[in-house]
């Protein structure tokens, strides 16, 4: 089984009609890769191949001049050291790639 890393994906898009459509598409796309944990935050356990596919989709969707998407890549040790208050720790589930 290929190794999976933990990807914390955080996004912020402007509040206008075009960006709202992109935000909805981004949310739907990311839902196929991981778990939605907060308004604009997703936690994903992905293989290198899955992440490469996600990167291509992000590059097609995001407008770098107005949108902001950050991807933090964490190893298993960092995930184990995650501290949470009021919710559960990140847990690995099978990704459903759409």
C-alpha atoms as a PDB file:
ATOM      1  CA  UNK A   1       0.000   0.000   0.000  1.00  0.00           C
ATOM      2  CA  UNK A   2       1.467   3.396  -0.969  1.00  0.00           C
ATOM      3  CA  UNK A   3       2.488   5.728   1.841  1.00  0.00           C
ATOM      4  CA  UNK A   4       0.058   8.519   2.669  1.00  0.00           C
ATOM      5  CA  UNK A   5       0.912  11.911   4.089  1.00  0.00           C
ATOM      6  CA  UNK A   6      -1.384  14.329   5.878  1.00  0.00           C
ATOM      7  CA  UNK A   7      -2.281  17.472   3.931  1.00  0.00           C
ATOM      8  CA  UNK A   8      -3.907  20.417   5.674  1.00  0.00           C
ATOM      9  CA  UNK A   9      -5.542  22.574   2.996  1.00  0.00           C
ATOM     10  CA  UNK A  10      -6.721  26.078   3.860  1.00  0.00           C
ATOM     11  CA  UNK A  11      -8.289  28.480   1.405  1.00  0.00           C
ATOM     12  CA  UNK A  12      -9.576  32.050   1.263  1.00  0.00           C
ATOM     13  CA  UNK A  13     -11.335  33.521  -1.753  1.00  0.00           C
ATOM     14  CA  UNK A  14     -12.817  37.003  -2.222  1.00  0.00           C
ATOM     15  CA  UNK A  15     -16.494  37.653  -1.627  1.00  0.00           C
ATOM     16  CA  UNK A  16     -17.857  38.187  -5.130  1.00  0.00           C
ATOM     17  CA  UNK A  17     -20.079  36.214  -7.491  1.00  0.00           C
ATOM     18  CA  UNK A  18     -17.272  34.625  -9.549  1.00  0.00           C
ATOM     19  CA  UNK A  19     -15.233  33.714  -6.461  1.00  0.00           C
ATOM     20  CA  UNK A  20     -18.307  32.248  -4.775  1.00  0.00           C
ATOM     21  CA  UNK A  21     -18.727  29.862  -7.725  1.00  0.00           C
ATOM     22  CA  UNK A  22     -15.034  28.896  -7.493  1.00  0.00           C
ATOM     23  CA  UNK A  23     -15.354  28.449  -3.725  1.00  0.00           C
ATOM     24  CA  UNK A  24     -18.273  26.051  -4.196  1.00  0.00           C
ATOM     25  CA  UNK A  25     -16.360  24.085  -6.846  1.00  0.00           C
ATOM     26  CA  UNK A  26     -13.247  24.038  -4.628  1.00  0.00           C
ATOM     27  CA  UNK A  27     -15.238  22.788  -1.641  1.00  0.00           C
ATOM     28  CA  UNK A  28     -16.878  20.046  -3.721  1.00  0.00           C
ATOM     29  CA  UNK A  29     -13.530  19.007  -5.216  1.00  0.00           C
ATOM     30  CA  UNK A  30     -11.761  18.879  -1.831  1.00  0.00           C
ATOM     31  CA  UNK A  31     -14.653  16.874  -0.349  1.00  0.00           C
ATOM     32  CA  UNK A  32     -13.593  14.061  -2.668  1.00  0.00           C
ATOM     33  CA  UNK A  33     -10.096  14.053  -1.180  1.00  0.00           C
ATOM     34  CA  UNK A  34     -10.596  14.509   2.536  1.00  0.00           C
ATOM     35  CA  UNK A  35     -12.615  15.676   5.487  1.00  0.00           C
ATOM     36  CA  UNK A  36     -14.053  19.179   5.837  1.00  0.00           C
ATOM     37  CA  UNK A  37     -13.208  20.297   9.371  1.00  0.00           C
ATOM     38  CA  UNK A  38     -13.881  24.043   9.417  1.00  0.00           C
ATOM     39  CA  UNK A  39     -15.366  26.620   7.050  1.00  0.00           C
ATOM     40  CA  UNK A  40     -12.394  26.725   4.668  1.00  0.00           C
ATOM     41  CA  UNK A  41     -10.202  23.917   6.019  1.00  0.00           C
ATOM     42  CA  UNK A  42      -9.815  20.347   4.793  1.00  0.00           C
ATOM     43  CA  UNK A  43      -7.745  17.500   6.262  1.00  0.00           C
ATOM     44  CA  UNK A  44      -6.619  14.900   3.726  1.00  0.00           C
ATOM     45  CA  UNK A  45      -4.537  11.721   3.885  1.00  0.00           C
ATOM     46  CA  UNK A  46      -3.211  11.269   0.341  1.00  0.00           C
ATOM     47  CA  UNK A  47      -0.687   9.268  -1.617  1.00  0.00           C
ATOM     48  CA  UNK A  48       1.786  11.127  -3.825  1.00  0.00           C
ATOM     49  CA  UNK A  49      -0.308  10.223  -6.875  1.00  0.00           C
ATOM     50  CA  UNK A  50      -3.511  11.544  -5.312  1.00  0.00           C
ATOM     51  CA  UNK A  51      -1.777  14.762  -4.286  1.00  0.00           C
ATOM     52  CA  UNK A  52      -0.350  15.251  -7.787  1.00  0.00           C
ATOM     53  CA  UNK A  53      -3.880  14.939  -9.203  1.00  0.00           C
ATOM     54  CA  UNK A  54      -5.164  17.418  -6.614  1.00  0.00           C
ATOM     55  CA  UNK A  55      -2.415  19.908  -7.510  1.00  0.00           C
ATOM     56  CA  UNK A  56      -3.416  19.846 -11.181  1.00  0.00           C
ATOM     57  CA  UNK A  57      -7.046  20.473 -10.251  1.00  0.00           C
ATOM     58  CA  UNK A  58      -6.100  23.328  -7.910  1.00  0.00           C
ATOM     59  CA  UNK A  59      -3.949  25.000 -10.544  1.00  0.00           C
ATOM     60  CA  UNK A  60      -6.856  24.896 -13.015  1.00  0.00           C
ATOM     61  CA  UNK A  61      -9.399  26.286 -10.558  1.00  0.00           C
ATOM     62  CA  UNK A  62      -7.590  28.843  -8.400  1.00  0.00           C
ATOM     63  CA  UNK A  63      -6.955  32.400  -9.587  1.00  0.00           C
ATOM     64  CA  UNK A  64      -3.587  33.254  -7.953  1.00  0.00           C
ATOM     65  CA  UNK A  65      -4.091  37.004  -8.319  1.00  0.00           C
ATOM     66  CA  UNK A  66      -7.154  36.977  -6.015  1.00  0.00           C
ATOM     67  CA  UNK A  67      -7.408  33.564  -4.318  1.00  0.00           C
ATOM     68  CA  UNK A  68      -5.283  32.059  -1.582  1.00  0.00           C
ATOM     69  CA  UNK A  69      -4.843  28.318  -1.067  1.00  0.00           C
ATOM     70  CA  UNK A  70      -2.254  26.958   1.345  1.00  0.00           C
ATOM     71  CA  UNK A  71      -1.268  23.316   1.609  1.00  0.00           C
ATOM     72  CA  UNK A  72       0.660  22.158   4.667  1.00  0.00           C
ATOM     73  CA  UNK A  73       2.247  18.719   4.301  1.00  0.00           C
ATOM     74  CA  UNK A  74       2.738  16.838   7.569  1.00  0.00           C
ATOM     75  CA  UNK A  75       4.285  13.464   8.292  1.00  0.00           C
ATOM     76  CA  UNK A  76       2.791  10.823  10.599  1.00  0.00           C
ATOM     77  CA  UNK A  77       4.753  12.136  13.589  1.00  0.00           C
ATOM     78  CA  UNK A  78       3.294  15.613  13.212  1.00  0.00           C
ATOM     79  CA  UNK A  79      -0.223  14.210  12.967  1.00  0.00           C
ATOM     80  CA  UNK A  80       0.279  12.225  16.188  1.00  0.00           C
ATOM     81  CA  UNK A  81       1.367  15.416  17.954  1.00  0.00           C
ATOM     82  CA  UNK A  82      -1.745  17.316  16.833  1.00  0.00           C
ATOM     83  CA  UNK A  83      -3.578  18.963  19.706  1.00  0.00           C
ATOM     84  CA  UNK A  84      -7.317  19.467  19.375  1.00  0.00           C
ATOM     85  CA  UNK A  85      -9.829  21.215  21.615  1.00  0.00           C
ATOM     86  CA  UNK A  86     -13.511  20.583  21.100  1.00  0.00           C
ATOM     87  CA  UNK A  87     -13.240  18.158  18.190  1.00  0.00           C
ATOM     88  CA  UNK A  88     -11.569  14.895  17.314  1.00  0.00           C
ATOM     89  CA  UNK A  89      -7.992  14.478  16.132  1.00  0.00           C
ATOM     90  CA  UNK A  90      -7.353  13.984  12.418  1.00  0.00           C
ATOM     91  CA  UNK A  91      -8.052  10.407  11.445  1.00  0.00           C
ATOM     92  CA  UNK A  92      -7.310   8.592   8.260  1.00  0.00           C
ATOM     93  CA  UNK A  93     -10.246   7.527   6.152  1.00  0.00           C
ATOM     94  CA  UNK A  94     -10.296   6.319   2.588  1.00  0.00           C
ATOM     95  CA  UNK A  95     -10.299   9.178   0.104  1.00  0.00           C
ATOM     96  CA  UNK A  96     -13.030   9.169  -2.501  1.00  0.00           C
ATOM     97  CA  UNK A  97     -11.591  10.855  -5.565  1.00  0.00           C
ATOM     98  CA  UNK A  98     -14.313  12.249  -7.827  1.00  0.00           C
END
